[in-house]
Amino acid sequence: MDADELSGRLLEFAVRTMDLVEALPHKKTATHCANQLLRSGTSPGANYEEAIGAESREDFIHKCAVVLKELRESRYWLRVVLRKEFVRAERLTALVTEADELVRIFSKTVSTTRSRRHSPCSRNESLDRPSM
């Protein structure tokens, strides 16, 4: 998977998260979850765009670690929404699955890039971009 494809997935994740937030009921507890989910579900794409333009491998690692942190938080809030049954489970299944997949991708990206931290970059390898 190249950077453009991953950017597209994160953009779609943000849009789908926004759609879910709009569908949540107007209850105090649902509003709290909505606010948290809106923030954490829309930031990974923006942070990944920053990672693509990273100035160094360390900068790339840091920005991808932020993406991972936000995706994990999103996954948590999705599970809360699911547990509280604010919307039908069928509406959340695909979004939770996508959150799980993105967490795995960025976990691997961060760990692989960290393990290569001290190796010199070749001319063809500026930074370790996610690839599948």
N, C-alpha and C. Protein backbone atom coordinates (compact mmCIF):
# COMPACT_ATOMS: atom_id res chain seq x y z
N MET A 1 0.85 -1.17 0.00
CA MET A 1 0.00 0.00 0.00
C MET A 1 0.90 1.24 0.00
N ASP A 2 0.64 2.14 -0.92
CA ASP A 2 1.47 3.34 -0.98
C ASP A 2 0.86 4.46 -0.13
N ALA A 3 1.60 5.56 -0.02
CA ALA A 3 1.19 6.68 0.83
C ALA A 3 -0.14 7.27 0.37
N ASP A 4 -0.37 7.37 -0.93
CA ASP A 4 -1.63 7.93 -1.43
C ASP A 4 -2.82 7.06 -1.05
N GLU A 5 -2.65 5.76 -1.16
CA GLU A 5 -3.73 4.84 -0.82
C GLU A 5 -4.04 4.91 0.68
N LEU A 6 -3.00 4.97 1.49
CA LEU A 6 -3.20 5.06 2.93
C LEU A 6 -3.83 6.40 3.31
N SER A 7 -3.41 7.47 2.66
CA SER A 7 -4.04 8.78 2.88
C SER A 7 -5.53 8.72 2.55
N GLY A 8 -5.85 8.04 1.47
CA GLY A 8 -7.26 7.89 1.09
C GLY A 8 -8.06 7.12 2.12
N ARG A 9 -7.47 6.07 2.67
CA ARG A 9 -8.16 5.30 3.70
C ARG A 9 -8.40 6.14 4.95
N LEU A 10 -7.40 6.94 5.32
CA LEU A 10 -7.56 7.78 6.50
C LEU A 10 -8.58 8.89 6.26
N LEU A 11 -8.63 9.41 5.06
CA LEU A 11 -9.64 10.40 4.72
C LEU A 11 -11.04 9.79 4.81
N GLU A 12 -11.18 8.62 4.25
CA GLU A 12 -12.47 7.92 4.30
C GLU A 12 -12.85 7.58 5.74
N PHE A 13 -11.88 7.19 6.55
CA PHE A 13 -12.14 6.91 7.97
C PHE A 13 -12.67 8.17 8.66
N ALA A 14 -12.08 9.31 8.37
CA ALA A 14 -12.52 10.57 8.97
C ALA A 14 -13.96 10.90 8.55
N VAL A 15 -14.26 10.74 7.27
CA VAL A 15 -15.60 11.05 6.77
C VAL A 15 -16.63 10.11 7.38
N ARG A 16 -16.30 8.84 7.44
CA ARG A 16 -17.24 7.87 8.03
C ARG A 16 -17.43 8.12 9.52
N THR A 17 -16.37 8.55 10.20
CA THR A 17 -16.48 8.90 11.61
C THR A 17 -17.40 10.10 11.77
N MET A 18 -17.25 11.09 10.91
CA MET A 18 -18.11 12.27 10.97
C MET A 18 -19.57 11.89 10.73
N ASP A 19 -19.81 10.99 9.78
CA ASP A 19 -21.17 10.52 9.52
C ASP A 19 -21.76 9.84 10.76
N LEU A 20 -20.95 9.02 11.41
CA LEU A 20 -21.41 8.35 12.63
C LEU A 20 -21.73 9.36 13.71
N VAL A 21 -20.86 10.33 13.91
CA VAL A 21 -21.08 11.35 14.94
C VAL A 21 -22.41 12.07 14.69
N GLU A 22 -22.70 12.37 13.44
CA GLU A 22 -23.96 13.04 13.10
C GLU A 22 -25.17 12.17 13.43
N ALA A 23 -25.00 10.86 13.43
CA ALA A 23 -26.11 9.94 13.67
C ALA A 23 -26.33 9.64 15.15
N LEU A 24 -25.41 10.06 16.00
CA LEU A 24 -25.56 9.76 17.43
C LEU A 24 -26.70 10.58 18.03
N PRO A 25 -27.36 10.01 19.04
CA PRO A 25 -28.49 10.72 19.66
C PRO A 25 -28.01 11.96 20.42
N HIS A 26 -28.93 12.86 20.67
CA HIS A 26 -28.63 14.09 21.40
C HIS A 26 -28.86 13.87 22.90
N LYS A 27 -27.98 13.04 23.47
CA LYS A 27 -27.98 12.77 24.90
C LYS A 27 -26.63 13.25 25.42
N LYS A 28 -26.57 13.57 26.68
CA LYS A 28 -25.33 14.09 27.26
C LYS A 28 -24.17 13.10 27.06
N THR A 29 -24.40 11.83 27.33
CA THR A 29 -23.32 10.84 27.23
C THR A 29 -22.93 10.60 25.77
N ALA A 30 -23.91 10.58 24.89
CA ALA A 30 -23.61 10.39 23.46
C ALA A 30 -22.86 11.59 22.91
N THR A 31 -23.21 12.79 23.38
CA THR A 31 -22.52 14.00 22.93
C THR A 31 -21.06 13.97 23.37
N HIS A 32 -20.82 13.50 24.58
CA HIS A 32 -19.43 13.37 25.05
C HIS A 32 -18.65 12.43 24.14
N CYS A 33 -19.21 11.27 23.87
CA CYS A 33 -18.56 10.31 22.98
C CYS A 33 -18.37 10.90 21.59
N ALA A 34 -19.37 11.60 21.11
CA ALA A 34 -19.30 12.21 19.77
C ALA A 34 -18.15 13.21 19.69
N ASN A 35 -18.02 14.04 20.70
CA ASN A 35 -16.93 15.03 20.70
C ASN A 35 -15.56 14.37 20.71
N GLN A 36 -15.41 13.35 21.53
CA GLN A 36 -14.13 12.64 21.61
C GLN A 36 -13.83 11.93 20.28
N LEU A 37 -14.83 11.27 19.75
CA LEU A 37 -14.67 10.52 18.51
C LEU A 37 -14.42 11.44 17.32
N LEU A 38 -15.09 12.56 17.29
CA LEU A 38 -14.88 13.51 16.20
C LEU A 38 -13.43 13.99 16.17
N ARG A 39 -12.88 14.29 17.33
CA ARG A 39 -11.50 14.76 17.40
C ARG A 39 -10.52 13.65 17.04
N SER A 40 -10.68 12.49 17.68
CA SER A 40 -9.70 11.42 17.47
C SER A 40 -9.85 10.73 16.12
N GLY A 41 -11.05 10.75 15.57
CA GLY A 41 -11.29 10.07 14.29
C GLY A 41 -10.93 10.88 13.07
N THR A 42 -10.81 12.19 13.24
CA THR A 42 -10.46 13.03 12.10
C THR A 42 -9.00 13.45 12.08
N SER A 43 -8.31 13.33 13.18
CA SER A 43 -6.91 13.77 13.22
C SER A 43 -5.89 12.82 12.58
N PRO A 44 -6.12 11.50 12.54
CA PRO A 44 -5.09 10.64 11.95
C PRO A 44 -4.71 11.01 10.52
N GLY A 45 -5.68 11.35 9.70
CA GLY A 45 -5.38 11.69 8.31
C GLY A 45 -4.51 12.93 8.21
N ALA A 46 -4.85 13.95 8.99
CA ALA A 46 -4.06 15.19 8.97
C ALA A 46 -2.64 14.93 9.48
N ASN A 47 -2.53 14.13 10.53
CA ASN A 47 -1.20 13.82 11.07
C ASN A 47 -0.39 12.97 10.09
N TYR A 48 -1.05 12.08 9.37
CA TYR A 48 -0.32 11.28 8.38
C TYR A 48 0.16 12.15 7.22
N GLU A 49 -0.64 13.13 6.82
CA GLU A 49 -0.20 14.05 5.78
C GLU A 49 1.06 14.78 6.23
N GLU A 50 1.13 15.14 7.50
CA GLU A 50 2.36 15.74 8.04
C GLU A 50 3.51 14.74 8.02
N ALA A 51 3.22 13.48 8.34
CA ALA A 51 4.27 12.46 8.34
C ALA A 51 4.87 12.27 6.95
N ILE A 52 4.02 12.35 5.93
CA ILE A 52 4.52 12.19 4.56
C ILE A 52 5.58 13.26 4.25
N GLY A 53 5.40 14.43 4.81
CA GLY A 53 6.37 15.51 4.59
C GLY A 53 7.40 15.62 5.69
N ALA A 54 7.61 14.56 6.44
CA ALA A 54 8.55 14.59 7.56
C ALA A 54 9.94 15.01 7.10
N GLU A 55 10.63 15.70 7.98
CA GLU A 55 11.96 16.20 7.68
C GLU A 55 13.06 15.20 8.01
N SER A 56 12.73 14.18 8.76
CA SER A 56 13.71 13.16 9.13
C SER A 56 12.98 11.88 9.47
N ARG A 57 13.75 10.82 9.64
CA ARG A 57 13.15 9.56 10.06
C ARG A 57 12.53 9.68 11.44
N GLU A 58 13.20 10.39 12.34
CA GLU A 58 12.67 10.59 13.69
C GLU A 58 11.35 11.36 13.65
N ASP A 59 11.28 12.37 12.81
CA ASP A 59 10.06 13.15 12.65
C ASP A 59 8.94 12.26 12.10
N PHE A 60 9.26 11.42 11.13
CA PHE A 60 8.28 10.49 10.56
C PHE A 60 7.77 9.53 11.64
N ILE A 61 8.67 8.97 12.43
CA ILE A 61 8.28 8.06 13.50
C ILE A 61 7.35 8.76 14.48
N HIS A 62 7.73 9.95 14.89
CA HIS A 62 6.92 10.70 15.85
C HIS A 62 5.51 10.96 15.31
N LYS A 63 5.42 11.42 14.08
CA LYS A 63 4.12 11.74 13.51
C LYS A 63 3.26 10.48 13.30
N CYS A 64 3.88 9.40 12.90
CA CYS A 64 3.13 8.14 12.75
C CYS A 64 2.70 7.60 14.11
N ALA A 65 3.51 7.83 15.15
CA ALA A 65 3.12 7.41 16.49
C ALA A 65 1.91 8.20 16.97
N VAL A 66 1.81 9.47 16.58
CA VAL A 66 0.63 10.27 16.91
C VAL A 66 -0.59 9.72 16.17
N VAL A 67 -0.41 9.36 14.90
CA VAL A 67 -1.50 8.76 14.12
C VAL A 67 -1.99 7.50 14.85
N LEU A 68 -1.07 6.65 15.25
CA LEU A 68 -1.41 5.41 15.94
C LEU A 68 -2.16 5.69 17.24
N LYS A 69 -1.69 6.64 18.01
CA LYS A 69 -2.35 7.01 19.27
C LYS A 69 -3.79 7.44 19.02
N GLU A 70 -4.01 8.27 18.03
CA GLU A 70 -5.35 8.76 17.73
C GLU A 70 -6.25 7.64 17.20
N LEU A 71 -5.70 6.74 16.41
CA LEU A 71 -6.49 5.60 15.92
C LEU A 71 -6.90 4.69 17.06
N ARG A 72 -6.00 4.46 18.00
CA ARG A 72 -6.35 3.63 19.16
C ARG A 72 -7.45 4.29 19.98
N GLU A 73 -7.35 5.61 20.15
CA GLU A 73 -8.39 6.31 20.90
C GLU A 73 -9.72 6.22 20.16
N SER A 74 -9.70 6.37 18.85
CA SER A 74 -10.92 6.26 18.05
C SER A 74 -11.54 4.88 18.22
N ARG A 75 -10.70 3.87 18.17
CA ARG A 75 -11.19 2.50 18.33
C ARG A 75 -11.86 2.33 19.69
N TYR A 76 -11.29 2.92 20.72
CA TYR A 76 -11.89 2.86 22.06
C TYR A 76 -13.28 3.51 22.06
N TRP A 77 -13.39 4.73 21.52
CA TRP A 77 -14.67 5.42 21.52
C TRP A 77 -15.70 4.71 20.66
N LEU A 78 -15.27 4.08 19.59
CA LEU A 78 -16.20 3.28 18.78
C LEU A 78 -16.75 2.12 19.61
N ARG A 79 -15.89 1.50 20.41
CA ARG A 79 -16.35 0.40 21.26
C ARG A 79 -17.32 0.90 22.33
N VAL A 80 -17.08 2.10 22.86
CA VAL A 80 -18.01 2.67 23.84
C VAL A 80 -19.37 2.90 23.20
N VAL A 81 -19.38 3.50 22.01
CA VAL A 81 -20.63 3.74 21.29
C VAL A 81 -21.35 2.42 21.03
N LEU A 82 -20.60 1.40 20.66
CA LEU A 82 -21.17 0.08 20.41
C LEU A 82 -21.76 -0.50 21.70
N ARG A 83 -21.01 -0.43 22.78
CA ARG A 83 -21.45 -0.99 24.06
C ARG A 83 -22.70 -0.27 24.58
N LYS A 84 -22.75 1.04 24.40
CA LYS A 84 -23.90 1.82 24.86
C LYS A 84 -25.10 1.70 23.92
N GLU A 85 -24.88 1.08 22.77
CA GLU A 85 -25.94 0.87 21.78
C GLU A 85 -26.59 2.19 21.34
N PHE A 86 -25.75 3.21 21.13
CA PHE A 86 -26.26 4.49 20.64
C PHE A 86 -26.75 4.39 19.20
N VAL A 87 -26.16 3.47 18.43
CA VAL A 87 -26.59 3.18 17.06
C VAL A 87 -26.56 1.67 16.89
N ARG A 88 -27.19 1.19 15.84
CA ARG A 88 -27.20 -0.26 15.57
C ARG A 88 -25.78 -0.77 15.34
N ALA A 89 -25.51 -1.94 15.82
CA ALA A 89 -24.18 -2.55 15.69
C ALA A 89 -23.75 -2.67 14.23
N GLU A 90 -24.69 -2.94 13.34
CA GLU A 90 -24.36 -3.09 11.91
C GLU A 90 -23.74 -1.82 11.35
N ARG A 91 -24.13 -0.69 11.90
CA ARG A 91 -23.60 0.58 11.42
C ARG A 91 -22.13 0.76 11.80
N LEU A 92 -21.71 0.11 12.88
CA LEU A 92 -20.35 0.28 13.39
C LEU A 92 -19.37 -0.78 12.95
N THR A 93 -19.84 -1.93 12.55
CA THR A 93 -18.96 -3.07 12.29
C THR A 93 -17.83 -2.74 11.32
N ALA A 94 -18.15 -2.18 10.19
CA ALA A 94 -17.12 -1.89 9.18
C ALA A 94 -16.15 -0.82 9.66
N LEU A 95 -16.65 0.16 10.41
CA LEU A 95 -15.78 1.22 10.90
C LEU A 95 -14.82 0.70 11.98
N VAL A 96 -15.31 -0.16 12.84
CA VAL A 96 -14.45 -0.77 13.86
C VAL A 96 -13.39 -1.65 13.18
N THR A 97 -13.78 -2.40 12.17
CA THR A 97 -12.83 -3.23 11.43
C THR A 97 -11.76 -2.38 10.78
N GLU A 98 -12.16 -1.27 10.18
CA GLU A 98 -11.19 -0.37 9.55
C GLU A 98 -10.25 0.22 10.60
N ALA A 99 -10.78 0.60 11.75
CA ALA A 99 -9.93 1.11 12.83
C ALA A 99 -8.91 0.06 13.25
N ASP A 100 -9.34 -1.18 13.38
CA ASP A 100 -8.44 -2.27 13.74
C ASP A 100 -7.33 -2.44 12.70
N GLU A 101 -7.70 -2.42 11.43
CA GLU A 101 -6.71 -2.58 10.36
C GLU A 101 -5.73 -1.42 10.34
N LEU A 102 -6.23 -0.21 10.50
CA LEU A 102 -5.33 0.96 10.50
C LEU A 102 -4.39 0.93 11.70
N VAL A 103 -4.88 0.50 12.85
CA VAL A 103 -4.01 0.36 14.03
C VAL A 103 -2.90 -0.64 13.74
N ARG A 104 -3.24 -1.76 13.12
CA ARG A 104 -2.21 -2.76 12.78
C ARG A 104 -1.18 -2.19 11.80
N ILE A 105 -1.65 -1.48 10.79
CA ILE A 105 -0.75 -0.90 9.79
C ILE A 105 0.21 0.08 10.45
N PHE A 106 -0.31 0.97 11.27
CA PHE A 106 0.56 1.98 11.87
C PHE A 106 1.41 1.42 13.00
N SER A 107 0.95 0.39 13.69
CA SER A 107 1.80 -0.28 14.68
C SER A 107 3.02 -0.87 13.99
N LYS A 108 2.79 -1.53 12.88
CA LYS A 108 3.88 -2.13 12.12
C LYS A 108 4.80 -1.05 11.54
N THR A 109 4.23 0.00 11.02
CA THR A 109 5.02 1.10 10.45
C THR A 109 5.95 1.70 11.49
N VAL A 110 5.39 2.00 12.66
CA VAL A 110 6.20 2.61 13.72
C VAL A 110 7.28 1.64 14.19
N SER A 111 6.93 0.39 14.43
CA SER A 111 7.93 -0.56 14.94
C SER A 111 9.02 -0.84 13.90
N THR A 112 8.64 -1.00 12.64
CA THR A 112 9.62 -1.26 11.59
C THR A 112 10.55 -0.06 11.40
N THR A 113 9.98 1.13 11.37
CA THR A 113 10.80 2.32 11.17
C THR A 113 11.71 2.55 12.37
N ARG A 114 11.22 2.30 13.57
CA ARG A 114 12.08 2.42 14.75
C ARG A 114 13.24 1.42 14.69
N SER A 115 12.97 0.21 14.23
CA SER A 115 14.03 -0.81 14.19
C SER A 115 15.09 -0.46 13.15
N ARG A 116 14.72 0.33 12.16
CA ARG A 116 15.66 0.76 11.12
C ARG A 116 16.23 2.15 11.39
N ARG A 117 15.95 2.67 12.56
CA ARG A 117 16.29 4.04 12.92
C ARG A 117 17.75 4.39 12.70
N HIS A 118 18.63 3.48 13.03
CA HIS A 118 20.06 3.80 12.97
C HIS A 118 20.74 3.31 11.71
N SER A 119 19.98 2.70 10.82
CA SER A 119 20.59 2.28 9.57
C SER A 119 20.55 3.45 8.58
N PRO A 120 21.57 3.58 7.76
CA PRO A 120 21.56 4.70 6.81
C PRO A 120 20.50 4.52 5.74
N CYS A 121 19.95 5.61 5.28
CA CYS A 121 18.96 5.56 4.20
C CYS A 121 19.69 5.37 2.88
N SER A 122 19.15 4.52 2.03
CA SER A 122 19.71 4.40 0.69
C SER A 122 19.15 5.52 -0.17
N ARG A 123 19.66 5.68 -1.37
CA ARG A 123 19.15 6.72 -2.26
C ARG A 123 17.69 6.51 -2.60
N ASN A 124 17.25 5.26 -2.65
CA ASN A 124 15.87 4.95 -3.02
C ASN A 124 14.93 4.92 -1.82
N GLU A 125 15.47 5.05 -0.63
CA GLU A 125 14.66 4.95 0.58
C GLU A 125 14.83 6.21 1.41
N SER A 126 13.95 7.16 1.23
CA SER A 126 14.07 8.38 2.01
C SER A 126 13.53 8.15 3.41
N LEU A 127 12.35 7.56 3.51
CA LEU A 127 11.74 7.20 4.78
C LEU A 127 10.95 5.93 4.58
N ASP A 128 10.70 5.24 5.66
CA ASP A 128 9.94 3.98 5.56
C ASP A 128 8.46 4.27 5.49
N ARG A 129 7.92 4.29 4.33
CA ARG A 129 6.49 4.50 4.14
C ARG A 129 5.78 3.16 4.27
N PRO A 130 4.56 3.16 4.75
CA PRO A 130 3.83 1.90 4.86
C PRO A 130 3.72 1.22 3.50
N SER A 131 3.96 -0.06 3.50
CA SER A 131 3.76 -0.85 2.29
C SER A 131 3.17 -2.18 2.68
N MET A 132 2.32 -2.66 1.85
CA MET A 132 1.65 -3.93 2.16
C MET A 132 1.85 -4.86 0.99
